[in-house]
Amino acid sequence: MGKSGKNHWQRVYGEKEPTAVSWYQPVPKISLQLIRSTHIARDEPILDAGGGASTLVDHLMSEGYTDISVLDISGKALERSRARLGDRADAVTWIESDVTEFEPLRRFALWHDRAVFHFLTKSADRDKYIEVVCRALQPNGHLVLATFGPEGPERCSGLDIQRYGVDELQKLFGSRFDLCSHELDEHATPMGSKQQFLYSWWQKTS
């Protein structure tokens, strides 16, 4: 995404409350269901990519997961979550980075993303993302990925996006991951409109 992407998301989270953005979820039900389905232990490391102001971290902590990292290109988004969590924020690792430039210092049992991949409209950036995910995940680690679906919006937050069907994702991830499950969901935005998301759960093949 680069500097322009960082500036864009800094502006978004500087101007809008997290509850006002179209992708806001008070409870990220499907993400939580898929994470539970992996059966990773509660003390295994989880990374939420693009999770800046998402409430996923709150719910994971409430369910007893103890090793959570949240990565986002926007420091302002991370600040929003830290403020919301209060003292609990000290138990989370906060990482301000462009995901395509992220250099993981450890390996994770699970990588979750509901916010980043569909904004990568250039094939070079998608390739970088997949390489980062593969480096960051443990052998047989899990990827829980949500993108805009085939009938999702063509733009989001003023930016072009890439919509996906499961076949397109299979072409990108299938050589390194096994597809465990997938489902479409109609997300109701705070403004009352609908956005189609495609949720998929993958397991790294080595």
N, C-alpha and C. Protein backbone atom coordinates (compact mmCIF):
# COMPACT_ATOMS: atom_id res chain seq x y z
N MET A 1 0.82 -1.21 0.00
CA MET A 1 0.00 0.00 0.00
C MET A 1 0.86 1.27 0.00
N GLY A 2 1.99 1.20 0.71
CA GLY A 2 2.91 2.33 0.69
C GLY A 2 2.44 3.52 1.50
N LYS A 3 3.14 4.64 1.30
CA LYS A 3 2.87 5.85 2.08
C LYS A 3 1.47 6.39 1.83
N SER A 4 1.01 6.35 0.58
CA SER A 4 -0.33 6.87 0.28
C SER A 4 -1.40 6.06 1.00
N GLY A 5 -1.19 4.73 1.06
CA GLY A 5 -2.15 3.89 1.79
C GLY A 5 -2.15 4.21 3.26
N LYS A 6 -0.98 4.40 3.83
CA LYS A 6 -0.90 4.74 5.25
C LYS A 6 -1.61 6.06 5.53
N ASN A 7 -1.35 7.06 4.69
CA ASN A 7 -1.99 8.37 4.88
C ASN A 7 -3.50 8.26 4.78
N HIS A 8 -3.97 7.43 3.85
CA HIS A 8 -5.42 7.26 3.69
C HIS A 8 -6.04 6.72 4.97
N TRP A 9 -5.46 5.65 5.53
CA TRP A 9 -6.07 5.03 6.70
C TRP A 9 -5.85 5.85 7.97
N GLN A 10 -4.78 6.60 8.03
CA GLN A 10 -4.62 7.53 9.15
C GLN A 10 -5.74 8.57 9.13
N ARG A 11 -6.06 9.03 7.93
CA ARG A 11 -7.13 10.04 7.79
C ARG A 11 -8.49 9.44 8.15
N VAL A 12 -8.75 8.21 7.66
CA VAL A 12 -10.03 7.57 7.95
C VAL A 12 -10.24 7.44 9.45
N TYR A 13 -9.23 6.92 10.16
CA TYR A 13 -9.40 6.70 11.60
C TYR A 13 -9.22 7.96 12.42
N GLY A 14 -8.70 9.01 11.79
CA GLY A 14 -8.66 10.30 12.46
C GLY A 14 -9.98 11.04 12.38
N GLU A 15 -10.74 10.76 11.31
CA GLU A 15 -11.98 11.50 11.06
C GLU A 15 -13.24 10.75 11.49
N LYS A 16 -13.18 9.41 11.50
CA LYS A 16 -14.39 8.62 11.77
C LYS A 16 -14.25 7.79 13.03
N GLU A 17 -15.36 7.64 13.73
CA GLU A 17 -15.40 6.69 14.83
C GLU A 17 -15.37 5.27 14.26
N PRO A 18 -14.70 4.33 14.93
CA PRO A 18 -14.67 2.96 14.42
C PRO A 18 -16.05 2.35 14.21
N THR A 19 -17.04 2.79 14.98
CA THR A 19 -18.40 2.25 14.85
C THR A 19 -19.13 2.83 13.64
N ALA A 20 -18.52 3.82 12.95
CA ALA A 20 -19.18 4.47 11.81
C ALA A 20 -18.69 3.96 10.47
N VAL A 21 -17.61 3.18 10.45
CA VAL A 21 -17.10 2.70 9.17
C VAL A 21 -17.95 1.52 8.68
N SER A 22 -18.01 1.33 7.37
CA SER A 22 -18.96 0.37 6.80
C SER A 22 -18.70 -1.07 7.24
N TRP A 23 -17.44 -1.39 7.55
CA TRP A 23 -17.10 -2.79 7.87
C TRP A 23 -17.22 -3.11 9.37
N TYR A 24 -17.68 -2.15 10.16
CA TYR A 24 -17.75 -2.35 11.62
C TYR A 24 -18.67 -3.52 11.98
N GLN A 25 -18.21 -4.33 12.92
CA GLN A 25 -18.99 -5.43 13.49
C GLN A 25 -18.90 -5.35 15.02
N PRO A 26 -20.01 -5.23 15.73
CA PRO A 26 -19.92 -5.27 17.19
C PRO A 26 -19.43 -6.64 17.68
N VAL A 27 -19.87 -7.70 17.00
CA VAL A 27 -19.41 -9.06 17.32
C VAL A 27 -19.04 -9.73 16.00
N PRO A 28 -17.77 -10.06 15.79
CA PRO A 28 -17.34 -10.72 14.55
C PRO A 28 -17.63 -12.22 14.60
N LYS A 29 -18.91 -12.57 14.46
CA LYS A 29 -19.36 -13.93 14.75
C LYS A 29 -18.69 -14.99 13.89
N ILE A 30 -18.63 -14.78 12.58
CA ILE A 30 -18.10 -15.83 11.71
C ILE A 30 -16.60 -16.00 11.93
N SER A 31 -15.89 -14.89 12.08
CA SER A 31 -14.45 -14.99 12.37
C SER A 31 -14.22 -15.81 13.63
N LEU A 32 -14.98 -15.54 14.67
CA LEU A 32 -14.83 -16.26 15.92
C LEU A 32 -15.16 -17.74 15.75
N GLN A 33 -16.23 -18.03 15.00
CA GLN A 33 -16.59 -19.43 14.77
C GLN A 33 -15.48 -20.18 14.04
N LEU A 34 -14.89 -19.55 13.03
CA LEU A 34 -13.83 -20.21 12.26
C LEU A 34 -12.58 -20.39 13.11
N ILE A 35 -12.25 -19.39 13.91
CA ILE A 35 -11.08 -19.52 14.79
C ILE A 35 -11.28 -20.66 15.78
N ARG A 36 -12.47 -20.76 16.34
CA ARG A 36 -12.76 -21.88 17.24
C ARG A 36 -12.63 -23.21 16.51
N SER A 37 -13.07 -23.24 15.24
CA SER A 37 -13.06 -24.48 14.48
C SER A 37 -11.66 -25.02 14.23
N THR A 38 -10.64 -24.15 14.29
CA THR A 38 -9.27 -24.62 14.09
C THR A 38 -8.78 -25.45 15.27
N HIS A 39 -9.40 -25.28 16.43
CA HIS A 39 -9.02 -26.00 17.65
C HIS A 39 -7.59 -25.68 18.11
N ILE A 40 -7.08 -24.51 17.75
CA ILE A 40 -5.79 -24.14 18.31
C ILE A 40 -5.96 -23.91 19.81
N ALA A 41 -4.89 -24.13 20.56
CA ALA A 41 -4.95 -23.94 22.01
C ALA A 41 -5.09 -22.46 22.33
N ARG A 42 -5.66 -22.16 23.49
CA ARG A 42 -5.91 -20.78 23.87
C ARG A 42 -4.62 -19.97 24.08
N ASP A 43 -3.49 -20.67 24.26
CA ASP A 43 -2.24 -19.94 24.47
C ASP A 43 -1.37 -19.91 23.21
N GLU A 44 -1.89 -20.39 22.08
CA GLU A 44 -1.11 -20.33 20.85
C GLU A 44 -1.23 -18.93 20.22
N PRO A 45 -0.20 -18.50 19.48
CA PRO A 45 -0.17 -17.12 18.98
C PRO A 45 -1.07 -16.89 17.78
N ILE A 46 -1.82 -15.77 17.85
CA ILE A 46 -2.76 -15.35 16.81
C ILE A 46 -2.34 -13.96 16.34
N LEU A 47 -2.39 -13.74 15.02
CA LEU A 47 -2.18 -12.40 14.45
C LEU A 47 -3.45 -11.97 13.72
N ASP A 48 -3.95 -10.79 14.05
CA ASP A 48 -5.08 -10.19 13.34
C ASP A 48 -4.52 -9.11 12.43
N ALA A 49 -4.44 -9.40 11.12
CA ALA A 49 -3.87 -8.46 10.15
C ALA A 49 -4.93 -7.45 9.72
N GLY A 50 -4.59 -6.16 9.79
CA GLY A 50 -5.56 -5.13 9.48
C GLY A 50 -6.61 -4.98 10.56
N GLY A 51 -6.28 -5.44 11.75
CA GLY A 51 -7.27 -5.48 12.84
C GLY A 51 -7.31 -4.23 13.69
N GLY A 52 -6.73 -3.14 13.19
CA GLY A 52 -6.55 -1.92 13.97
C GLY A 52 -7.63 -1.57 14.97
N ALA A 53 -8.83 -1.26 14.48
CA ALA A 53 -9.92 -0.85 15.37
C ALA A 53 -10.99 -1.92 15.52
N SER A 54 -10.72 -3.12 15.02
CA SER A 54 -11.69 -4.21 15.11
C SER A 54 -11.89 -4.65 16.55
N THR A 55 -13.08 -5.17 16.82
CA THR A 55 -13.39 -5.69 18.16
C THR A 55 -13.01 -7.16 18.30
N LEU A 56 -12.40 -7.76 17.26
CA LEU A 56 -12.05 -9.18 17.36
C LEU A 56 -11.16 -9.44 18.56
N VAL A 57 -10.18 -8.57 18.79
CA VAL A 57 -9.24 -8.78 19.90
C VAL A 57 -9.98 -8.83 21.23
N ASP A 58 -10.99 -7.98 21.41
CA ASP A 58 -11.76 -7.98 22.65
C ASP A 58 -12.40 -9.34 22.89
N HIS A 59 -13.02 -9.88 21.85
CA HIS A 59 -13.75 -11.14 21.99
C HIS A 59 -12.80 -12.32 22.16
N LEU A 60 -11.65 -12.28 21.46
CA LEU A 60 -10.67 -13.34 21.64
C LEU A 60 -10.17 -13.37 23.09
N MET A 61 -9.89 -12.20 23.63
CA MET A 61 -9.43 -12.14 25.02
C MET A 61 -10.52 -12.65 25.97
N SER A 62 -11.76 -12.28 25.70
CA SER A 62 -12.86 -12.73 26.56
C SER A 62 -13.05 -14.24 26.50
N GLU A 63 -12.65 -14.86 25.37
CA GLU A 63 -12.77 -16.31 25.23
C GLU A 63 -11.54 -17.05 25.75
N GLY A 64 -10.57 -16.29 26.26
CA GLY A 64 -9.43 -16.93 26.90
C GLY A 64 -8.18 -17.06 26.07
N TYR A 65 -8.17 -16.51 24.86
CA TYR A 65 -6.94 -16.52 24.06
C TYR A 65 -5.97 -15.50 24.67
N THR A 66 -4.73 -15.91 24.83
CA THR A 66 -3.81 -15.10 25.64
C THR A 66 -2.63 -14.54 24.86
N ASP A 67 -2.42 -14.97 23.62
CA ASP A 67 -1.25 -14.53 22.85
C ASP A 67 -1.74 -13.93 21.54
N ILE A 68 -2.11 -12.66 21.58
CA ILE A 68 -2.74 -12.00 20.43
C ILE A 68 -1.89 -10.82 19.98
N SER A 69 -1.65 -10.75 18.68
CA SER A 69 -0.99 -9.60 18.07
C SER A 69 -1.96 -8.96 17.08
N VAL A 70 -1.98 -7.63 17.04
CA VAL A 70 -2.82 -6.90 16.10
C VAL A 70 -1.92 -6.03 15.23
N LEU A 71 -2.02 -6.21 13.93
CA LEU A 71 -1.20 -5.47 12.97
C LEU A 71 -2.09 -4.54 12.16
N ASP A 72 -1.63 -3.31 11.97
CA ASP A 72 -2.37 -2.39 11.12
C ASP A 72 -1.41 -1.33 10.57
N ILE A 73 -1.71 -0.85 9.37
CA ILE A 73 -0.90 0.20 8.76
C ILE A 73 -1.12 1.55 9.45
N SER A 74 -2.25 1.68 10.13
CA SER A 74 -2.63 2.95 10.76
C SER A 74 -2.39 2.93 12.26
N GLY A 75 -1.49 3.77 12.73
CA GLY A 75 -1.28 3.91 14.16
C GLY A 75 -2.51 4.44 14.86
N LYS A 76 -3.28 5.30 14.18
CA LYS A 76 -4.50 5.84 14.79
C LYS A 76 -5.52 4.74 15.04
N ALA A 77 -5.61 3.77 14.12
CA ALA A 77 -6.54 2.66 14.32
C ALA A 77 -6.13 1.84 15.54
N LEU A 78 -4.83 1.59 15.67
CA LEU A 78 -4.34 0.84 16.83
C LEU A 78 -4.61 1.60 18.12
N GLU A 79 -4.44 2.93 18.07
CA GLU A 79 -4.71 3.75 19.25
C GLU A 79 -6.17 3.63 19.68
N ARG A 80 -7.07 3.54 18.69
CA ARG A 80 -8.50 3.40 19.01
C ARG A 80 -8.74 2.12 19.82
N SER A 81 -8.11 1.02 19.39
CA SER A 81 -8.31 -0.24 20.11
C SER A 81 -7.66 -0.21 21.48
N ARG A 82 -6.48 0.36 21.56
CA ARG A 82 -5.80 0.44 22.86
C ARG A 82 -6.66 1.22 23.86
N ALA A 83 -7.23 2.32 23.39
CA ALA A 83 -8.08 3.13 24.27
C ALA A 83 -9.32 2.36 24.69
N ARG A 84 -9.91 1.62 23.75
CA ARG A 84 -11.12 0.86 24.06
C ARG A 84 -10.84 -0.24 25.08
N LEU A 85 -9.70 -0.90 24.97
CA LEU A 85 -9.36 -2.01 25.86
C LEU A 85 -8.87 -1.56 27.23
N GLY A 86 -8.38 -0.33 27.32
CA GLY A 86 -7.88 0.15 28.60
C GLY A 86 -6.70 -0.65 29.09
N ASP A 87 -6.72 -1.06 30.35
CA ASP A 87 -5.61 -1.81 30.94
C ASP A 87 -5.35 -3.14 30.23
N ARG A 88 -6.40 -3.72 29.61
CA ARG A 88 -6.23 -5.01 28.93
C ARG A 88 -5.32 -4.89 27.72
N ALA A 89 -5.14 -3.67 27.20
CA ALA A 89 -4.33 -3.46 26.00
C ALA A 89 -2.88 -3.89 26.21
N ASP A 90 -2.42 -3.86 27.45
CA ASP A 90 -1.03 -4.22 27.74
C ASP A 90 -0.75 -5.69 27.48
N ALA A 91 -1.79 -6.50 27.41
CA ALA A 91 -1.62 -7.93 27.17
C ALA A 91 -1.56 -8.28 25.67
N VAL A 92 -1.70 -7.26 24.81
CA VAL A 92 -1.73 -7.45 23.36
C VAL A 92 -0.44 -6.89 22.76
N THR A 93 0.07 -7.53 21.71
CA THR A 93 1.19 -6.99 20.96
C THR A 93 0.64 -6.17 19.80
N TRP A 94 1.01 -4.89 19.74
CA TRP A 94 0.51 -3.97 18.72
C TRP A 94 1.62 -3.72 17.69
N ILE A 95 1.31 -3.90 16.41
CA ILE A 95 2.31 -3.80 15.35
C ILE A 95 1.81 -2.82 14.29
N GLU A 96 2.52 -1.70 14.12
CA GLU A 96 2.18 -0.73 13.09
C GLU A 96 3.04 -1.01 11.86
N SER A 97 2.42 -1.54 10.80
CA SER A 97 3.17 -1.92 9.62
C SER A 97 2.24 -2.11 8.42
N ASP A 98 2.76 -1.82 7.24
CA ASP A 98 2.13 -2.24 5.99
C ASP A 98 2.28 -3.76 5.93
N VAL A 99 1.20 -4.48 5.74
CA VAL A 99 1.26 -5.94 5.82
C VAL A 99 2.18 -6.52 4.75
N THR A 100 2.28 -5.88 3.59
CA THR A 100 3.13 -6.42 2.52
C THR A 100 4.61 -6.21 2.82
N GLU A 101 4.92 -5.37 3.82
CA GLU A 101 6.31 -5.12 4.21
C GLU A 101 6.62 -5.68 5.60
N PHE A 102 5.67 -6.39 6.17
CA PHE A 102 5.82 -6.91 7.52
C PHE A 102 6.90 -7.99 7.57
N GLU A 103 7.80 -7.85 8.53
CA GLU A 103 8.85 -8.85 8.74
C GLU A 103 8.57 -9.56 10.06
N PRO A 104 7.92 -10.71 10.01
CA PRO A 104 7.55 -11.40 11.27
C PRO A 104 8.78 -11.85 12.04
N LEU A 105 8.79 -11.54 13.33
CA LEU A 105 9.89 -11.94 14.21
C LEU A 105 9.59 -13.26 14.92
N ARG A 106 8.41 -13.77 14.71
CA ARG A 106 8.00 -15.04 15.29
C ARG A 106 7.00 -15.68 14.34
N ARG A 107 6.60 -16.91 14.64
CA ARG A 107 5.63 -17.59 13.80
C ARG A 107 4.33 -17.80 14.58
N PHE A 108 3.23 -17.73 13.85
CA PHE A 108 1.91 -17.74 14.45
C PHE A 108 1.17 -19.02 14.11
N ALA A 109 0.28 -19.42 15.01
CA ALA A 109 -0.57 -20.58 14.77
C ALA A 109 -1.74 -20.22 13.86
N LEU A 110 -2.12 -18.93 13.89
CA LEU A 110 -3.29 -18.51 13.11
C LEU A 110 -3.11 -17.06 12.66
N TRP A 111 -3.42 -16.82 11.39
CA TRP A 111 -3.44 -15.48 10.80
C TRP A 111 -4.87 -15.19 10.41
N HIS A 112 -5.44 -14.09 10.91
CA HIS A 112 -6.80 -13.68 10.57
C HIS A 112 -6.75 -12.37 9.81
N ASP A 113 -7.58 -12.26 8.78
CA ASP A 113 -7.64 -11.03 7.99
C ASP A 113 -9.05 -10.85 7.44
N ARG A 114 -9.71 -9.79 7.89
CA ARG A 114 -11.01 -9.42 7.31
C ARG A 114 -10.92 -8.01 6.70
N ALA A 115 -9.72 -7.46 6.59
CA ALA A 115 -9.62 -6.04 6.29
C ALA A 115 -8.61 -5.66 5.22
N VAL A 116 -7.70 -6.56 4.86
CA VAL A 116 -6.57 -6.13 4.05
C VAL A 116 -6.59 -6.70 2.63
N PHE A 117 -6.74 -8.01 2.49
CA PHE A 117 -6.40 -8.65 1.22
C PHE A 117 -7.19 -8.08 0.05
N HIS A 118 -8.49 -7.77 0.24
CA HIS A 118 -9.27 -7.29 -0.91
C HIS A 118 -8.90 -5.87 -1.34
N PHE A 119 -8.07 -5.17 -0.54
CA PHE A 119 -7.58 -3.86 -0.97
C PHE A 119 -6.30 -3.97 -1.82
N LEU A 120 -5.74 -5.15 -1.93
CA LEU A 120 -4.51 -5.34 -2.71
C LEU A 120 -4.91 -5.62 -4.16
N THR A 121 -4.98 -4.58 -4.97
CA THR A 121 -5.46 -4.70 -6.34
C THR A 121 -4.34 -5.01 -7.33
N LYS A 122 -3.09 -4.93 -6.91
CA LYS A 122 -1.97 -5.24 -7.78
C LYS A 122 -1.47 -6.66 -7.48
N SER A 123 -1.20 -7.42 -8.54
CA SER A 123 -0.77 -8.80 -8.35
C SER A 123 0.54 -8.88 -7.57
N ALA A 124 1.43 -7.89 -7.74
CA ALA A 124 2.70 -7.91 -7.00
C ALA A 124 2.46 -7.79 -5.51
N ASP A 125 1.49 -6.97 -5.11
CA ASP A 125 1.17 -6.82 -3.69
C ASP A 125 0.52 -8.08 -3.14
N ARG A 126 -0.32 -8.72 -3.94
CA ARG A 126 -0.93 -9.98 -3.48
C ARG A 126 0.14 -11.05 -3.29
N ASP A 127 1.09 -11.11 -4.23
CA ASP A 127 2.18 -12.08 -4.09
C ASP A 127 2.99 -11.82 -2.82
N LYS A 128 3.28 -10.55 -2.54
CA LYS A 128 4.02 -10.21 -1.32
C LYS A 128 3.25 -10.63 -0.08
N TYR A 129 1.95 -10.37 -0.10
CA TYR A 129 1.09 -10.73 1.04
C TYR A 129 1.17 -12.23 1.30
N ILE A 130 1.02 -13.04 0.26
CA ILE A 130 1.02 -14.48 0.44
C ILE A 130 2.37 -14.96 0.96
N GLU A 131 3.44 -14.35 0.48
CA GLU A 131 4.77 -14.71 0.97
C GLU A 131 4.91 -14.38 2.46
N VAL A 132 4.40 -13.22 2.85
CA VAL A 132 4.46 -12.82 4.27
C VAL A 132 3.66 -13.79 5.13
N VAL A 133 2.46 -14.14 4.69
CA VAL A 133 1.63 -15.08 5.44
C VAL A 133 2.35 -16.42 5.61
N CYS A 134 2.96 -16.90 4.54
CA CYS A 134 3.64 -18.19 4.61
C CYS A 134 4.84 -18.14 5.56
N ARG A 135 5.57 -17.02 5.56
CA ARG A 135 6.69 -16.89 6.49
C ARG A 135 6.22 -16.77 7.93
N ALA A 136 5.07 -16.12 8.11
CA ALA A 136 4.59 -15.83 9.46
C ALA A 136 3.92 -17.02 10.13
N LEU A 137 3.39 -17.94 9.35
CA LEU A 137 2.65 -19.06 9.93
C LEU A 137 3.55 -20.24 10.26
N GLN A 138 3.23 -20.89 11.34
CA GLN A 138 3.89 -22.13 11.72
C GLN A 138 3.55 -23.22 10.70
N PRO A 139 4.33 -24.29 10.65
CA PRO A 139 3.92 -25.44 9.84
C PRO A 139 2.51 -25.89 10.23
N ASN A 140 1.67 -26.11 9.23
CA ASN A 140 0.27 -26.51 9.44
C ASN A 140 -0.56 -25.42 10.13
N GLY A 141 -0.06 -24.17 10.08
CA GLY A 141 -0.82 -23.07 10.67
C GLY A 141 -2.07 -22.76 9.87
N HIS A 142 -2.95 -21.94 10.47
CA HIS A 142 -4.26 -21.66 9.90
C HIS A 142 -4.37 -20.22 9.41
N LEU A 143 -5.06 -20.05 8.29
CA LEU A 143 -5.39 -18.74 7.74
C LEU A 143 -6.90 -18.61 7.70
N VAL A 144 -7.44 -17.62 8.40
CA VAL A 144 -8.86 -17.29 8.34
C VAL A 144 -8.96 -15.96 7.59
N LEU A 145 -9.54 -16.02 6.39
CA LEU A 145 -9.52 -14.88 5.47
C LEU A 145 -10.94 -14.51 5.07
N ALA A 146 -11.26 -13.24 5.19
CA ALA A 146 -12.55 -12.74 4.71
C ALA A 146 -12.28 -11.62 3.70
N THR A 147 -12.85 -11.78 2.51
CA THR A 147 -12.72 -10.78 1.45
C THR A 147 -14.11 -10.40 0.97
N PHE A 148 -14.20 -9.33 0.21
CA PHE A 148 -15.47 -9.05 -0.46
C PHE A 148 -15.75 -10.16 -1.47
N GLY A 149 -16.99 -10.62 -1.49
CA GLY A 149 -17.39 -11.73 -2.35
C GLY A 149 -17.68 -11.28 -3.77
N PRO A 150 -18.10 -12.22 -4.64
CA PRO A 150 -18.35 -11.90 -6.04
C PRO A 150 -19.38 -10.80 -6.26
N GLU A 151 -20.32 -10.65 -5.32
CA GLU A 151 -21.34 -9.61 -5.43
C GLU A 151 -21.12 -8.51 -4.40
N GLY A 152 -19.91 -8.42 -3.86
CA GLY A 152 -19.59 -7.37 -2.91
C GLY A 152 -19.40 -6.03 -3.61
N PRO A 153 -19.10 -4.97 -2.85
CA PRO A 153 -18.90 -3.65 -3.45
C PRO A 153 -17.66 -3.63 -4.33
N GLU A 154 -17.63 -2.71 -5.27
CA GLU A 154 -16.46 -2.55 -6.14
C GLU A 154 -15.46 -1.55 -5.55
N ARG A 155 -15.95 -0.75 -4.61
CA ARG A 155 -15.08 0.21 -3.93
C ARG A 155 -15.45 0.21 -2.45
N CYS A 156 -14.47 0.56 -1.61
CA CYS A 156 -14.71 0.65 -0.17
C CYS A 156 -13.81 1.74 0.38
N SER A 157 -14.36 2.60 1.22
CA SER A 157 -13.61 3.68 1.83
C SER A 157 -12.91 4.55 0.77
N GLY A 158 -13.57 4.71 -0.39
CA GLY A 158 -13.01 5.53 -1.44
C GLY A 158 -11.92 4.87 -2.26
N LEU A 159 -11.66 3.58 -2.04
CA LEU A 159 -10.60 2.87 -2.74
C LEU A 159 -11.17 1.73 -3.58
N ASP A 160 -10.52 1.43 -4.69
CA ASP A 160 -10.87 0.25 -5.46
C ASP A 160 -10.52 -1.00 -4.66
N ILE A 161 -11.30 -2.04 -4.86
CA ILE A 161 -11.02 -3.31 -4.18
C ILE A 161 -11.07 -4.44 -5.20
N GLN A 162 -10.67 -5.62 -4.77
CA GLN A 162 -10.73 -6.82 -5.60
C GLN A 162 -11.74 -7.78 -4.98
N ARG A 163 -12.77 -8.12 -5.74
CA ARG A 163 -13.75 -9.09 -5.25
C ARG A 163 -13.28 -10.51 -5.58
N TYR A 164 -13.71 -11.48 -4.76
CA TYR A 164 -13.24 -12.85 -4.94
C TYR A 164 -14.37 -13.86 -4.83
N GLY A 165 -14.29 -14.87 -5.70
CA GLY A 165 -15.01 -16.12 -5.50
C GLY A 165 -14.01 -17.13 -4.97
N VAL A 166 -14.50 -18.26 -4.50
CA VAL A 166 -13.60 -19.24 -3.91
C VAL A 166 -12.61 -19.79 -4.94
N ASP A 167 -13.02 -19.86 -6.21
CA ASP A 167 -12.11 -20.37 -7.24
C ASP A 167 -10.90 -19.45 -7.42
N GLU A 168 -11.14 -18.14 -7.37
CA GLU A 168 -10.03 -17.19 -7.50
C GLU A 168 -9.06 -17.31 -6.32
N LEU A 169 -9.62 -17.47 -5.12
CA LEU A 169 -8.76 -17.64 -3.95
C LEU A 169 -7.98 -18.95 -4.03
N GLN A 170 -8.63 -19.98 -4.55
CA GLN A 170 -7.96 -21.27 -4.68
C GLN A 170 -6.74 -21.15 -5.59
N LYS A 171 -6.85 -20.37 -6.66
CA LYS A 171 -5.73 -20.19 -7.58
C LYS A 171 -4.56 -19.49 -6.89
N LEU A 172 -4.88 -18.57 -5.97
CA LEU A 172 -3.83 -17.80 -5.29
C LEU A 172 -3.21 -18.57 -4.12
N PHE A 173 -4.02 -19.27 -3.36
CA PHE A 173 -3.55 -19.90 -2.12
C PHE A 173 -3.41 -21.42 -2.21
N GLY A 174 -4.02 -22.02 -3.23
CA GLY A 174 -4.16 -23.48 -3.25
C GLY A 174 -2.87 -24.26 -3.33
N SER A 175 -1.80 -23.64 -3.82
CA SER A 175 -0.54 -24.39 -3.92
C SER A 175 0.16 -24.51 -2.57
N ARG A 176 -0.25 -23.70 -1.61
CA ARG A 176 0.42 -23.71 -0.30
C ARG A 176 -0.52 -24.00 0.86
N PHE A 177 -1.82 -23.98 0.58
CA PHE A 177 -2.81 -24.17 1.63
C PHE A 177 -3.89 -25.13 1.17
N ASP A 178 -4.44 -25.88 2.13
CA ASP A 178 -5.63 -26.68 1.90
C ASP A 178 -6.85 -25.87 2.36
N LEU A 179 -7.88 -25.85 1.53
CA LEU A 179 -9.11 -25.15 1.88
C LEU A 179 -9.95 -26.05 2.78
N CYS A 180 -10.22 -25.56 4.00
CA CYS A 180 -11.00 -26.32 4.98
C CYS A 180 -12.49 -26.02 4.89
N SER A 181 -12.85 -24.75 4.69
CA SER A 181 -14.26 -24.38 4.57
C SER A 181 -14.37 -22.98 3.99
N HIS A 182 -15.56 -22.67 3.48
CA HIS A 182 -15.83 -21.31 3.00
C HIS A 182 -17.33 -21.06 3.04
N GLU A 183 -17.70 -19.80 3.17
CA GLU A 183 -19.11 -19.42 3.18
C GLU A 183 -19.26 -17.95 2.84
N LEU A 184 -20.39 -17.62 2.24
CA LEU A 184 -20.72 -16.23 1.94
C LEU A 184 -21.56 -15.65 3.08
N ASP A 185 -21.41 -14.35 3.31
CA ASP A 185 -22.16 -13.68 4.37
C ASP A 185 -22.57 -12.30 3.89
N GLU A 186 -23.78 -11.90 4.23
CA GLU A 186 -24.26 -10.55 3.93
C GLU A 186 -24.07 -9.69 5.18
N HIS A 187 -23.07 -8.83 5.14
CA HIS A 187 -22.78 -7.96 6.26
C HIS A 187 -23.65 -6.72 6.21
N ALA A 188 -24.33 -6.43 7.31
CA ALA A 188 -25.14 -5.21 7.40
C ALA A 188 -24.26 -4.08 7.93
N THR A 189 -24.08 -3.04 7.14
CA THR A 189 -23.24 -1.92 7.55
C THR A 189 -23.99 -1.04 8.56
N PRO A 190 -23.27 -0.18 9.30
CA PRO A 190 -23.95 0.73 10.23
C PRO A 190 -24.93 1.66 9.52
N MET A 191 -24.74 1.87 8.21
CA MET A 191 -25.63 2.75 7.44
C MET A 191 -26.86 2.01 6.91
N GLY A 192 -26.92 0.69 7.14
CA GLY A 192 -28.11 -0.07 6.75
C GLY A 192 -28.01 -0.76 5.40
N SER A 193 -26.89 -0.62 4.70
CA SER A 193 -26.73 -1.31 3.42
C SER A 193 -26.13 -2.70 3.66
N LYS A 194 -26.00 -3.48 2.58
CA LYS A 194 -25.47 -4.85 2.67
C LYS A 194 -24.17 -4.95 1.89
N GLN A 195 -23.23 -5.71 2.42
CA GLN A 195 -21.98 -6.00 1.74
C GLN A 195 -21.75 -7.52 1.79
N GLN A 196 -21.47 -8.10 0.64
CA GLN A 196 -21.22 -9.54 0.61
C GLN A 196 -19.75 -9.82 0.90
N PHE A 197 -19.52 -10.68 1.89
CA PHE A 197 -18.17 -11.14 2.23
C PHE A 197 -18.07 -12.63 1.96
N LEU A 198 -16.88 -13.05 1.56
CA LEU A 198 -16.57 -14.47 1.43
C LEU A 198 -15.57 -14.83 2.52
N TYR A 199 -15.97 -15.70 3.43
CA TYR A 199 -15.10 -16.18 4.51
C TYR A 199 -14.50 -17.51 4.09
N SER A 200 -13.21 -17.67 4.34
CA SER A 200 -12.56 -18.95 4.03
C SER A 200 -11.55 -19.29 5.12
N TRP A 201 -11.42 -20.59 5.36
CA TRP A 201 -10.47 -21.10 6.35
C TRP A 201 -9.54 -22.06 5.63
N TRP A 202 -8.24 -21.79 5.77
CA TRP A 202 -7.21 -22.55 5.08
C TRP A 202 -6.20 -23.08 6.09
N GLN A 203 -5.57 -24.22 5.76
CA GLN A 203 -4.50 -24.73 6.59
C GLN A 203 -3.26 -24.89 5.72
N LYS A 204 -2.15 -24.35 6.23
CA LYS A 204 -0.88 -24.42 5.51
C LYS A 204 -0.46 -25.87 5.34
N THR A 205 0.05 -26.20 4.16
CA THR A 205 0.34 -27.60 3.85
C THR A 205 1.66 -28.08 4.42
N SER A 206 2.50 -27.17 4.93
CA SER A 206 3.77 -27.60 5.54
C SER A 206 4.21 -26.57 6.55
